[in-house]
C-alpha atoms as a PDB file:
ATOM      1  CA  UNK A   1      13.683 -83.854-212.783  1.00  0.00           C
ATOM      2  CA  UNK A   2      10.851 -83.575-214.588  1.00  0.00           C
ATOM      3  CA  UNK A   3       7.450 -82.456-213.071  1.00  0.00           C
ATOM      4  CA  UNK A   4       4.597 -85.019-213.317  1.00  0.00           C
ATOM      5  CA  UNK A   5       0.861 -84.984-213.085  1.00  0.00           C
ATOM      6  CA  UNK A   6       0.926 -85.763-209.310  1.00  0.00           C
ATOM      7  CA  UNK A   7       2.878 -82.433-208.784  1.00  0.00           C
ATOM      8  CA  UNK A   8       0.587 -79.848-209.950  1.00  0.00           C
ATOM      9  CA  UNK A   9      -2.676 -81.365-209.338  1.00  0.00           C
ATOM     10  CA  UNK A  10      -3.629 -82.558-205.666  1.00  0.00           C
ATOM     11  CA  UNK A  11      -6.511 -83.093-203.633  1.00  0.00           C
ATOM     12  CA  UNK A  12      -6.230 -79.480-202.024  1.00  0.00           C
ATOM     13  CA  UNK A  13      -6.141 -77.697-205.136  1.00  0.00           C
ATOM     14  CA  UNK A  14      -9.273 -80.136-206.463  1.00  0.00           C
ATOM     15  CA  UNK A  15     -10.923 -79.238-203.665  1.00  0.00           C
ATOM     16  CA  UNK A  16     -10.456 -75.566-204.124  1.00  0.00           C
ATOM     17  CA  UNK A  17     -10.025 -74.404-207.819  1.00  0.00           C
ATOM     18  CA  UNK A  18     -10.867 -77.774-209.160  1.00  0.00           C
ATOM     19  CA  UNK A  19     -14.578 -77.881-207.489  1.00  0.00           C
ATOM     20  CA  UNK A  20     -15.531 -73.910-208.594  1.00  0.00           C
ATOM     21  CA  UNK A  21     -14.271 -74.434-212.068  1.00  0.00           C
ATOM     22  CA  UNK A  22     -16.863 -77.421-212.261  1.00  0.00           C
ATOM     23  CA  UNK A  23     -19.768 -75.501-210.755  1.00  0.00           C
ATOM     24  CA  UNK A  24     -18.762 -72.572-213.047  1.00  0.00           C
ATOM     25  CA  UNK A  25     -19.072 -74.440-216.131  1.00  0.00           C
ATOM     26  CA  UNK A  26     -22.233 -76.311-215.050  1.00  0.00           C
ATOM     27  CA  UNK A  27     -25.458 -74.582-216.596  1.00  0.00           C
ATOM     28  CA  UNK A  28     -27.042 -76.270-213.556  1.00  0.00           C
ATOM     29  CA  UNK A  29     -25.314 -74.250-211.048  1.00  0.00           C
ATOM     30  CA  UNK A  30     -25.236 -71.161-212.963  1.00  0.00           C
ATOM     31  CA  UNK A  31     -28.798 -71.052-213.499  1.00  0.00           C
ATOM     32  CA  UNK A  32     -29.743 -71.235-210.049  1.00  0.00           C
ATOM     33  CA  UNK A  33     -31.224 -74.603-210.261  1.00  0.00           C
ATOM     34  CA  UNK A  34     -28.864 -76.320-208.030  1.00  0.00           C
ATOM     35  CA  UNK A  35     -28.101 -75.505-204.320  1.00  0.00           C
ATOM     36  CA  UNK A  36     -26.151 -76.629-201.638  1.00  0.00           C
ATOM     37  CA  UNK A  37     -27.649 -78.899-198.974  1.00  0.00           C
ATOM     38  CA  UNK A  38     -25.680 -77.309-195.947  1.00  0.00           C
ATOM     39  CA  UNK A  39     -25.085 -79.422-192.782  1.00  0.00           C
ATOM     40  CA  UNK A  40     -24.525 -82.901-193.881  1.00  0.00           C
ATOM     41  CA  UNK A  41     -21.976 -85.537-194.170  1.00  0.00           C
ATOM     42  CA  UNK A  42     -22.226 -88.254-196.707  1.00  0.00           C
ATOM     43  CA  UNK A  43     -21.451 -91.735-195.033  1.00  0.00           C
ATOM     44  CA  UNK A  44     -17.536 -93.340-196.320  1.00  0.00           C
ATOM     45  CA  UNK A  45     -19.402 -95.987-198.614  1.00  0.00           C
ATOM     46  CA  UNK A  46     -23.006 -95.562-200.505  1.00  0.00           C
ATOM     47  CA  UNK A  47     -26.285 -95.691-199.083  1.00  0.00           C
ATOM     48  CA  UNK A  48     -29.169 -93.029-198.211  1.00  0.00           C
ATOM     49  CA  UNK A  49     -29.551 -90.079-196.282  1.00  0.00           C
ATOM     50  CA  UNK A  50     -32.647 -88.479-194.567  1.00  0.00           C
ATOM     51  CA  UNK A  51     -33.082 -84.704-195.399  1.00  0.00           C
ATOM     52  CA  UNK A  52     -35.822 -83.897-193.039  1.00  0.00           C
ATOM     53  CA  UNK A  53     -38.283 -81.134-193.559  1.00  0.00           C
ATOM     54  CA  UNK A  54     -41.200 -79.522-191.973  1.00  0.00           C
ATOM     55  CA  UNK A  55     -44.107 -79.548-193.542  1.00  0.00           C
ATOM     56  CA  UNK A  56     -46.429 -76.178-194.002  1.00  0.00           C
ATOM     57  CA  UNK A  57     -49.057 -75.175-191.674  1.00  0.00           C
ATOM     58  CA  UNK A  58     -52.700 -76.441-192.684  1.00  0.00           C
ATOM     59  CA  UNK A  59     -56.051 -75.325-191.716  1.00  0.00           C
ATOM     60  CA  UNK A  60     -57.667 -71.953-191.441  1.00  0.00           C
ATOM     61  CA  UNK A  61     -57.323 -69.217-189.166  1.00  0.00           C
ATOM     62  CA  UNK A  62     -60.270 -69.687-186.436  1.00  0.00           C
ATOM     63  CA  UNK A  63     -63.232 -67.066-185.536  1.00  0.00           C
ATOM     64  CA  UNK A  64     -61.987 -65.382-181.772  1.00  0.00           C
ATOM     65  CA  UNK A  65     -64.341 -65.645-179.201  1.00  0.00           C
ATOM     66  CA  UNK A  66     -64.282 -65.239-175.819  1.00  0.00           C
ATOM     67  CA  UNK A  67     -65.766 -67.931-174.445  1.00  0.00           C
ATOM     68  CA  UNK A  68     -64.574 -71.074-177.284  1.00  0.00           C
ATOM     69  CA  UNK A  69     -60.681 -70.992-176.809  1.00  0.00           C
ATOM     70  CA  UNK A  70     -58.317 -71.684-179.864  1.00  0.00           C
ATOM     71  CA  UNK A  71     -57.955 -75.365-181.079  1.00  0.00           C
ATOM     72  CA  UNK A  72     -54.127 -76.144-181.214  1.00  0.00           C
ATOM     73  CA  UNK A  73     -53.038 -77.528-184.494  1.00  0.00           C
ATOM     74  CA  UNK A  74     -49.347 -78.871-184.524  1.00  0.00           C
ATOM     75  CA  UNK A  75     -46.724 -79.173-187.583  1.00  0.00           C
ATOM     76  CA  UNK A  76     -45.504 -82.535-188.889  1.00  0.00           C
ATOM     77  CA  UNK A  77     -42.114 -83.720-190.132  1.00  0.00           C
ATOM     78  CA  UNK A  78     -41.671 -85.934-193.153  1.00  0.00           C
ATOM     79  CA  UNK A  79     -38.251 -86.768-194.475  1.00  0.00           C
ATOM     80  CA  UNK A  80     -36.636 -86.698-198.537  1.00  0.00           C
ATOM     81  CA  UNK A  81     -34.618 -89.976-198.820  1.00  0.00           C
ATOM     82  CA  UNK A  82     -31.836 -88.527-200.933  1.00  0.00           C
ATOM     83  CA  UNK A  83     -29.405 -91.510-202.320  1.00  0.00           C
ATOM     84  CA  UNK A  84     -25.399 -91.317-202.430  1.00  0.00           C
ATOM     85  CA  UNK A  85     -23.777 -91.809-206.280  1.00  0.00           C
ATOM     86  CA  UNK A  86     -20.520 -92.283-206.782  1.00  0.00           C
ATOM     87  CA  UNK A  87     -18.404 -92.472-209.868  1.00  0.00           C
ATOM     88  CA  UNK A  88     -14.788 -92.564-210.687  1.00  0.00           C
ATOM     89  CA  UNK A  89     -12.688 -92.527-214.064  1.00  0.00           C
ATOM     90  CA  UNK A  90      -9.269 -92.875-214.579  1.00  0.00           C
ATOM     91  CA  UNK A  91      -7.141 -91.087-218.088  1.00  0.00           C
ATOM     92  CA  UNK A  92      -3.949 -92.164-219.243  1.00  0.00           C
ATOM     93  CA  UNK A  93      -1.322 -89.915-219.817  1.00  0.00           C
ATOM     94  CA  UNK A  94      -2.037 -89.596-223.592  1.00  0.00           C
ATOM     95  CA  UNK A  95      -5.467 -88.480-223.378  1.00  0.00           C
ATOM     96  CA  UNK A  96      -3.692 -85.175-221.345  1.00  0.00           C
ATOM     97  CA  UNK A  97      -0.028 -84.528-223.259  1.00  0.00           C
ATOM     98  CA  UNK A  98      -2.120 -82.701-225.350  1.00  0.00           C
ATOM     99  CA  UNK A  99      -2.736 -80.208-222.995  1.00  0.00           C
ATOM    100  CA  UNK A 100       0.658 -80.329-221.018  1.00  0.00           C
ATOM    101  CA  UNK A 101       2.998 -78.045-223.332  1.00  0.00           C
ATOM    102  CA  UNK A 102       0.225 -75.467-222.260  1.00  0.00           C
ATOM    103  CA  UNK A 103       1.623 -71.882-219.971  1.00  0.00           C
ATOM    104  CA  UNK A 104      -0.294 -72.940-217.068  1.00  0.00           C
ATOM    105  CA  UNK A 105      -0.740 -77.011-217.388  1.00  0.00           C
ATOM    106  CA  UNK A 106      -2.353 -77.299-214.104  1.00  0.00           C
ATOM    107  CA  UNK A 107      -4.968 -75.286-215.157  1.00  0.00           C
ATOM    108  CA  UNK A 108      -5.333 -77.119-218.097  1.00  0.00           C
ATOM    109  CA  UNK A 109      -5.797 -80.200-216.466  1.00  0.00           C
ATOM    110  CA  UNK A 110      -8.119 -78.620-214.133  1.00  0.00           C
ATOM    111  CA  UNK A 111     -10.746 -76.960-216.671  1.00  0.00           C
ATOM    112  CA  UNK A 112     -10.825 -80.756-218.420  1.00  0.00           C
ATOM    113  CA  UNK A 113     -11.836 -82.144-215.286  1.00  0.00           C
ATOM    114  CA  UNK A 114     -13.980 -79.450-214.314  1.00  0.00           C
ATOM    115  CA  UNK A 115     -16.257 -79.757-217.613  1.00  0.00           C
ATOM    116  CA  UNK A 116     -16.062 -83.405-217.545  1.00  0.00           C
ATOM    117  CA  UNK A 117     -17.624 -84.386-214.211  1.00  0.00           C
ATOM    118  CA  UNK A 118     -19.908 -80.738-214.849  1.00  0.00           C
ATOM    119  CA  UNK A 119     -21.216 -83.028-217.823  1.00  0.00           C
ATOM    120  CA  UNK A 120     -21.284 -86.018-215.733  1.00  0.00           C
ATOM    121  CA  UNK A 121     -23.360 -84.411-213.209  1.00  0.00           C
ATOM    122  CA  UNK A 122     -25.734 -82.988-215.491  1.00  0.00           C
ATOM    123  CA  UNK A 123     -25.981 -87.001-217.186  1.00  0.00           C
ATOM    124  CA  UNK A 124     -26.886 -87.984-213.307  1.00  0.00           C
ATOM    125  CA  UNK A 125     -29.306 -85.144-212.928  1.00  0.00           C
ATOM    126  CA  UNK A 126     -31.240 -86.285-216.328  1.00  0.00           C
ATOM    127  CA  UNK A 127     -31.495 -90.257-214.715  1.00  0.00           C
ATOM    128  CA  UNK A 128     -32.366 -89.218-211.226  1.00  0.00           C
ATOM    129  CA  UNK A 129     -35.220 -86.840-213.245  1.00  0.00           C
ATOM    130  CA  UNK A 130     -36.650 -89.450-215.408  1.00  0.00           C
ATOM    131  CA  UNK A 131     -37.095 -91.485-212.400  1.00  0.00           C
ATOM    132  CA  UNK A 132     -38.764 -89.267-210.492  1.00  0.00           C
ATOM    133  CA  UNK A 133     -41.277 -88.763-212.955  1.00  0.00           C
ATOM    134  CA  UNK A 134     -41.727 -92.466-213.323  1.00  0.00           C
ATOM    135  CA  UNK A 135     -43.742 -91.985-209.849  1.00  0.00           C
ATOM    136  CA  UNK A 136     -47.524 -91.860-210.554  1.00  0.00           C
ATOM    137  CA  UNK A 137     -47.401 -89.534-207.425  1.00  0.00           C
ATOM    138  CA  UNK A 138     -45.402 -87.251-209.878  1.00  0.00           C
ATOM    139  CA  UNK A 139     -48.688 -87.031-211.948  1.00  0.00           C
ATOM    140  CA  UNK A 140     -49.285 -83.355-211.031  1.00  0.00           C
ATOM    141  CA  UNK A 141     -45.771 -82.083-211.693  1.00  0.00           C
ATOM    142  CA  UNK A 142     -46.643 -83.679-215.675  1.00  0.00           C
ATOM    143  CA  UNK A 143     -47.802 -81.725-218.754  1.00  0.00           C
ATOM    144  CA  UNK A 144     -47.971 -84.579-220.975  1.00  0.00           C
ATOM    145  CA  UNK A 145     -49.682 -83.216-224.661  1.00  0.00           C
ATOM    146  CA  UNK A 146     -47.383 -85.908-226.725  1.00  0.00           C
ATOM    147  CA  UNK A 147     -51.149 -87.388-227.626  1.00  0.00           C
ATOM    148  CA  UNK A 148     -53.308 -84.558-228.723  1.00  0.00           C
ATOM    149  CA  UNK A 149     -53.170 -83.989-232.464  1.00  0.00           C
ATOM    150  CA  UNK A 150     -51.645 -80.909-234.280  1.00  0.00           C
ATOM    151  CA  UNK A 151     -50.574 -77.803-232.650  1.00  0.00           C
ATOM    152  CA  UNK A 152     -52.214 -78.898-229.259  1.00  0.00           C
ATOM    153  CA  UNK A 153     -49.496 -81.927-229.343  1.00  0.00           C
ATOM    154  CA  UNK A 154     -46.403 -78.908-230.218  1.00  0.00           C
ATOM    155  CA  UNK A 155     -44.322 -77.478-227.865  1.00  0.00           C
ATOM    156  CA  UNK A 156     -45.586 -73.634-227.887  1.00  0.00           C
ATOM    157  CA  UNK A 157     -45.919 -70.386-225.861  1.00  0.00           C
ATOM    158  CA  UNK A 158     -49.714 -71.497-225.180  1.00  0.00           C
ATOM    159  CA  UNK A 159     -48.287 -75.144-224.465  1.00  0.00           C
ATOM    160  CA  UNK A 160     -45.560 -73.737-222.393  1.00  0.00           C
ATOM    161  CA  UNK A 161     -48.120 -71.815-220.320  1.00  0.00           C
ATOM    162  CA  UNK A 162     -49.979 -74.892-219.502  1.00  0.00           C
ATOM    163  CA  UNK A 163     -47.074 -76.588-218.212  1.00  0.00           C
ATOM    164  CA  UNK A 164     -46.001 -74.200-215.726  1.00  0.00           C
ATOM    165  CA  UNK A 165     -50.278 -72.935-214.381  1.00  0.00           C
ATOM    166  CA  UNK A 166     -48.922 -77.303-213.375  1.00  0.00           C
ATOM    167  CA  UNK A 167     -47.743 -75.513-210.265  1.00  0.00           C
ATOM    168  CA  UNK A 168     -50.660 -73.006-210.038  1.00  0.00           C
ATOM    169  CA  UNK A 169     -49.795 -69.415-208.161  1.00  0.00           C
ATOM    170  CA  UNK A 170     -46.323 -70.869-207.551  1.00  0.00           C
ATOM    171  CA  UNK A 171     -45.377 -70.707-211.281  1.00  0.00           C
ATOM    172  CA  UNK A 172     -43.680 -67.363-211.069  1.00  0.00           C
ATOM    173  CA  UNK A 173     -41.071 -69.543-209.252  1.00  0.00           C
ATOM    174  CA  UNK A 174     -39.989 -70.990-212.242  1.00  0.00           C
ATOM    175  CA  UNK A 175     -36.906 -69.255-213.777  1.00  0.00           C
ATOM    176  CA  UNK A 176     -35.459 -72.520-215.859  1.00  0.00           C
ATOM    177  CA  UNK A 177     -36.191 -74.887-218.741  1.00  0.00           C
ATOM    178  CA  UNK A 178     -33.952 -77.796-219.889  1.00  0.00           C
ATOM    179  CA  UNK A 179     -34.711 -78.684-223.242  1.00  0.00           C
ATOM    180  CA  UNK A 180     -33.001 -80.981-226.145  1.00  0.00           C
ATOM    181  CA  UNK A 181     -31.263 -79.275-228.574  1.00  0.00           C
ATOM    182  CA  UNK A 182     -33.751 -80.117-231.532  1.00  0.00           C
ATOM    183  CA  UNK A 183     -36.405 -78.018-229.111  1.00  0.00           C
ATOM    184  CA  UNK A 184     -34.084 -75.125-228.892  1.00  0.00           C
ATOM    185  CA  UNK A 185     -33.619 -74.807-232.720  1.00  0.00           C
ATOM    186  CA  UNK A 186     -37.555 -75.055-233.273  1.00  0.00           C
ATOM    187  CA  UNK A 187     -38.085 -72.241-230.855  1.00  0.00           C
ATOM    188  CA  UNK A 188     -35.450 -70.539-232.313  1.00  0.00           C
ATOM    189  CA  UNK A 189     -36.996 -71.355-235.702  1.00  0.00           C
ATOM    190  CA  UNK A 190     -39.903 -69.589-234.282  1.00  0.00           C
ATOM    191  CA  UNK A 191     -38.119 -66.590-232.960  1.00  0.00           C
ATOM    192  CA  UNK A 192     -39.055 -67.161-229.403  1.00  0.00           C
ATOM    193  CA  UNK A 193     -35.485 -67.707-227.928  1.00  0.00           C
ATOM    194  CA  UNK A 194     -33.993 -64.592-227.021  1.00  0.00           C
ATOM    195  CA  UNK A 195     -30.005 -65.019-226.793  1.00  0.00           C
ATOM    196  CA  UNK A 196     -28.252 -62.653-224.474  1.00  0.00           C
ATOM    197  CA  UNK A 197     -24.092 -62.722-224.038  1.00  0.00           C
ATOM    198  CA  UNK A 198     -22.599 -63.270-221.032  1.00  0.00           C
ATOM    199  CA  UNK A 199     -20.576 -60.269-220.090  1.00  0.00           C
ATOM    200  CA  UNK A 200     -17.609 -62.397-218.585  1.00  0.00           C
ATOM    201  CA  UNK A 201     -17.631 -65.696-220.562  1.00  0.00           C
ATOM    202  CA  UNK A 202     -18.833 -63.274-223.506  1.00  0.00           C
ATOM    203  CA  UNK A 203     -20.956 -66.879-224.671  1.00  0.00           C
ATOM    204  CA  UNK A 204     -24.760 -66.609-225.409  1.00  0.00           C
ATOM    205  CA  UNK A 205     -27.264 -67.585-223.094  1.00  0.00           C
ATOM    206  CA  UNK A 206     -30.361 -68.598-224.584  1.00  0.00           C
ATOM    207  CA  UNK A 207     -33.682 -67.314-222.138  1.00  0.00           C
ATOM    208  CA  UNK A 208     -37.182 -68.372-223.274  1.00  0.00           C
ATOM    209  CA  UNK A 209     -40.167 -66.105-221.997  1.00  0.00           C
ATOM    210  CA  UNK A 210     -37.425 -64.756-219.775  1.00  0.00           C
ATOM    211  CA  UNK A 211     -36.364 -68.162-218.465  1.00  0.00           C
ATOM    212  CA  UNK A 212     -32.576 -69.413-218.522  1.00  0.00           C
ATOM    213  CA  UNK A 213     -32.931 -72.462-220.988  1.00  0.00           C
ATOM    214  CA  UNK A 214     -30.260 -75.617-220.623  1.00  0.00           C
ATOM    215  CA  UNK A 215     -29.792 -77.314-223.647  1.00  0.00           C
ATOM    216  CA  UNK A 216     -28.603 -81.444-223.450  1.00  0.00           C
ATOM    217  CA  UNK A 217     -29.039 -84.177-225.740  1.00  0.00           C
ATOM    218  CA  UNK A 218     -29.278 -86.271-222.743  1.00  0.00           C
ATOM    219  CA  UNK A 219     -32.980 -85.580-221.869  1.00  0.00           C
ATOM    220  CA  UNK A 220     -35.309 -87.981-222.752  1.00  0.00           C
ATOM    221  CA  UNK A 221     -36.312 -88.569-226.297  1.00  0.00           C
ATOM    222  CA  UNK A 222     -38.975 -91.436-227.751  1.00  0.00           C
ATOM    223  CA  UNK A 223     -41.144 -91.765-231.007  1.00  0.00           C
ATOM    224  CA  UNK A 224     -40.622 -88.049-231.580  1.00  0.00           C
ATOM    225  CA  UNK A 225     -41.787 -87.438-227.977  1.00  0.00           C
ATOM    226  CA  UNK A 226     -39.623 -84.697-226.108  1.00  0.00           C
ATOM    227  CA  UNK A 227     -39.271 -84.217-222.369  1.00  0.00           C
ATOM    228  CA  UNK A 228     -38.128 -81.006-220.975  1.00  0.00           C
ATOM    229  CA  UNK A 229     -37.880 -79.934-217.619  1.00  0.00           C
ATOM    230  CA  UNK A 230     -38.998 -76.305-216.010  1.00  0.00           C
ATOM    231  CA  UNK A 231     -37.133 -75.650-212.782  1.00  0.00           C
ATOM    232  CA  UNK A 232     -37.304 -72.889-210.005  1.00  0.00           C
ATOM    233  CA  UNK A 233     -34.372 -71.717-208.070  1.00  0.00           C
ATOM    234  CA  UNK A 234     -33.264 -74.917-205.705  1.00  0.00           C
ATOM    235  CA  UNK A 235     -35.321 -77.494-207.112  1.00  0.00           C
ATOM    236  CA  UNK A 236     -32.194 -79.679-207.396  1.00  0.00           C
ATOM    237  CA  UNK A 237     -30.089 -80.321-203.632  1.00  0.00           C
ATOM    238  CA  UNK A 238     -26.510 -81.207-204.302  1.00  0.00           C
ATOM    239  CA  UNK A 239     -23.817 -82.504-201.324  1.00  0.00           C
ATOM    240  CA  UNK A 240     -20.507 -83.858-202.223  1.00  0.00           C
ATOM    241  CA  UNK A 241     -17.658 -85.728-200.218  1.00  0.00           C
ATOM    242  CA  UNK A 242     -14.364 -83.832-199.628  1.00  0.00           C
ATOM    243  CA  UNK A 243     -12.124 -85.098-201.595  1.00  0.00           C
ATOM    244  CA  UNK A 244      -9.062 -86.941-200.574  1.00  0.00           C
ATOM    245  CA  UNK A 245      -6.202 -88.918-201.477  1.00  0.00           C
ATOM    246  CA  UNK A 246      -7.749 -91.561-201.962  1.00  0.00           C
ATOM    247  CA  UNK A 247     -10.154 -89.922-204.414  1.00  0.00           C
ATOM    248  CA  UNK A 248      -7.451 -88.130-206.516  1.00  0.00           C
ATOM    249  CA  UNK A 249      -4.236 -90.612-207.312  1.00  0.00           C
ATOM    250  CA  UNK A 250      -1.471 -90.784-210.108  1.00  0.00           C
ATOM    251  CA  UNK A 251       0.096 -94.309-210.840  1.00  0.00           C
ATOM    252  CA  UNK A 252       2.979 -94.965-212.789  1.00  0.00           C
ATOM    253  CA  UNK A 253       2.481 -98.322-216.144  1.00  0.00           C
ATOM    254  CA  UNK A 254       6.631 -98.118-216.067  1.00  0.00           C
ATOM    255  CA  UNK A 255       5.672-101.373-218.861  1.00  0.00           C
ATOM    256  CA  UNK A 256       3.209 -98.861-221.311  1.00  0.00           C
ATOM    257  CA  UNK A 257       5.242 -95.895-220.114  1.00  0.00           C
ATOM    258  CA  UNK A 258       1.619 -94.093-219.215  1.00  0.00           C
ATOM    259  CA  UNK A 259       0.917 -92.127-216.292  1.00  0.00           C
ATOM    260  CA  UNK A 260      -2.687 -92.440-214.773  1.00  0.00           C
ATOM    261  CA  UNK A 261      -4.658 -90.313-213.100  1.00  0.00           C
ATOM    262  CA  UNK A 262      -8.074 -91.367-211.472  1.00  0.00           C
ATOM    263  CA  UNK A 263     -10.354 -89.790-210.128  1.00  0.00           C
ATOM    264  CA  UNK A 264     -13.397 -90.889-207.378  1.00  0.00           C
ATOM    265  CA  UNK A 265     -16.520 -88.318-206.364  1.00  0.00           C
ATOM    266  CA  UNK A 266     -19.151 -89.046-204.427  1.00  0.00           C
ATOM    267  CA  UNK A 267     -21.699 -86.992-204.203  1.00  0.00           C
ATOM    268  CA  UNK A 268     -25.815 -86.542-203.557  1.00  0.00           C
ATOM    269  CA  UNK A 269     -27.791 -84.824-206.706  1.00  0.00           C
ATOM    270  CA  UNK A 270     -31.451 -84.742-205.110  1.00  0.00           C
ATOM    271  CA  UNK A 271     -34.661 -83.241-206.561  1.00  0.00           C
ATOM    272  CA  UNK A 272     -36.558 -81.436-203.643  1.00  0.00           C
ATOM    273  CA  UNK A 273     -39.662 -83.277-202.581  1.00  0.00           C
ATOM    274  CA  UNK A 274     -38.612 -87.008-203.563  1.00  0.00           C
ATOM    275  CA  UNK A 275     -37.629 -89.908-201.801  1.00  0.00           C
ATOM    276  CA  UNK A 276     -35.603 -92.926-202.879  1.00  0.00           C
ATOM    277  CA  UNK A 277     -37.551 -95.642-202.322  1.00  0.00           C
ATOM    278  CA  UNK A 278     -35.353 -98.018-205.079  1.00  0.00           C
ATOM    279  CA  UNK A 279     -32.810-100.363-204.421  1.00  0.00           C
ATOM    280  CA  UNK A 280     -29.453-100.619-205.915  1.00  0.00           C
ATOM    281  CA  UNK A 281     -27.090-104.215-207.162  1.00  0.00           C
ATOM    282  CA  UNK A 282     -24.138-102.461-206.224  1.00  0.00           C
ATOM    283  CA  UNK A 283     -22.650 -99.852-203.519  1.00  0.00           C
ATOM    284  CA  UNK A 284     -24.416 -97.168-205.755  1.00  0.00           C
ATOM    285  CA  UNK A 285     -26.774 -97.019-207.743  1.00  0.00           C
ATOM    286  CA  UNK A 286     -26.276 -97.173-211.902  1.00  0.00           C
ATOM    287  CA  UNK A 287     -27.785 -94.588-213.893  1.00  0.00           C
ATOM    288  CA  UNK A 288     -30.492 -97.173-215.287  1.00  0.00           C
ATOM    289  CA  UNK A 289     -31.661 -97.600-211.567  1.00  0.00           C
ATOM    290  CA  UNK A 290     -31.093 -93.443-211.010  1.00  0.00           C
ATOM    291  CA  UNK A 291     -33.510 -93.770-213.553  1.00  0.00           C
ATOM    292  CA  UNK A 292     -36.111 -96.619-212.897  1.00  0.00           C
ATOM    293  CA  UNK A 293     -39.929 -96.329-212.623  1.00  0.00           C
ATOM    294  CA  UNK A 294     -40.070 -97.528-208.962  1.00  0.00           C
ATOM    295  CA  UNK A 295     -36.893 -96.193-207.578  1.00  0.00           C
ATOM    296  CA  UNK A 296     -38.681 -93.121-205.921  1.00  0.00           C
ATOM    297  CA  UNK A 297     -41.961 -91.430-204.701  1.00  0.00           C
ATOM    298  CA  UNK A 298     -43.235 -87.682-203.808  1.00  0.00           C
ATOM    299  CA  UNK A 299     -43.124 -86.400-199.916  1.00  0.00           C
ATOM    300  CA  UNK A 300     -43.954 -82.657-200.494  1.00  0.00           C
ATOM    301  CA  UNK A 301     -46.926 -81.235-202.050  1.00  0.00           C
ATOM    302  CA  UNK A 302     -47.060 -81.181-205.598  1.00  0.00           C
ATOM    303  CA  UNK A 303     -47.210 -77.302-205.628  1.00  0.00           C
ATOM    304  CA  UNK A 304     -43.670 -77.171-203.478  1.00  0.00           C
ATOM    305  CA  UNK A 305     -42.262 -78.953-205.756  1.00  0.00           C
ATOM    306  CA  UNK A 306     -40.103 -76.417-207.969  1.00  0.00           C
ATOM    307  CA  UNK A 307     -40.205 -78.833-211.183  1.00  0.00           C
ATOM    308  CA  UNK A 308     -42.631 -79.417-214.279  1.00  0.00           C
ATOM    309  CA  UNK A 309     -42.094 -82.412-216.240  1.00  0.00           C
ATOM    310  CA  UNK A 310     -43.577 -81.266-220.214  1.00  0.00           C
ATOM    311  CA  UNK A 311     -44.021 -83.647-222.756  1.00  0.00           C
ATOM    312  CA  UNK A 312     -44.093 -82.490-226.451  1.00  0.00           C
ATOM    313  CA  UNK A 313     -43.630 -82.942-230.090  1.00  0.00           C
ATOM    314  CA  UNK A 314     -42.306 -80.367-232.299  1.00  0.00           C
ATOM    315  CA  UNK A 315     -44.021 -80.939-234.848  1.00  0.00           C
END
């Protein structure tokens, strides 16, 4: 009897070890940008979910008086609207055959799958950020210097601080920045990137002005204009549907002599303070639809959204 892929990777195994490995391999999770959305259940199909929130208390305190009673204010509630993202991928055994000879084939496959989905999640977030910051209501969280001349249009310490200042006295909450590798290289040449060796993985982790740097070449670039994103903790909410037997399946193509592994996922990757107002042609939005210029709107005050988009040049 031979060991099959279905014997070493099961929904239960993925739900435990596999999901945890995805988070460990994701720079988004490591940096604290992503926070789980607790207490919600995703619908069986596509669609949206309301994520209620209470608005902050407003109005000045009143002067105490022995003749004039206090005026009762009210607390208001709004609703963030998240959209369910559905994705799937299938692999033939030839794609996995190279790892099956390892000492721990289950771990090898899990690591490959976890790394793959971590990269995919990062791309879903970039598409969502592109769409969210296309909304006119997000102008207060956008710092665009690309139209300036000379050093004023370039990513420098001064223009970066101006970008962080978009959040005013909430700017200290920013802890990470996502940037294109060309931006990281430019800053490294300027001697502005500090690399810290992670004690567990021994990988070099870049920091800029004390903020964790996430490097991704999927970030928007157009005509020499780069978009970097500054994040605070919990800037992105995440929830996923449990991986079940229908989401993780194997099959055998006897004519081709291949074993196929198929995986499907449903999840929410939601920018805090935003609201999905777009439409999807299918059951789930494509990345192009997530990035659409009319797909999102703002529901939080600008300073309460712990994300800033920074558009700049490199020279």
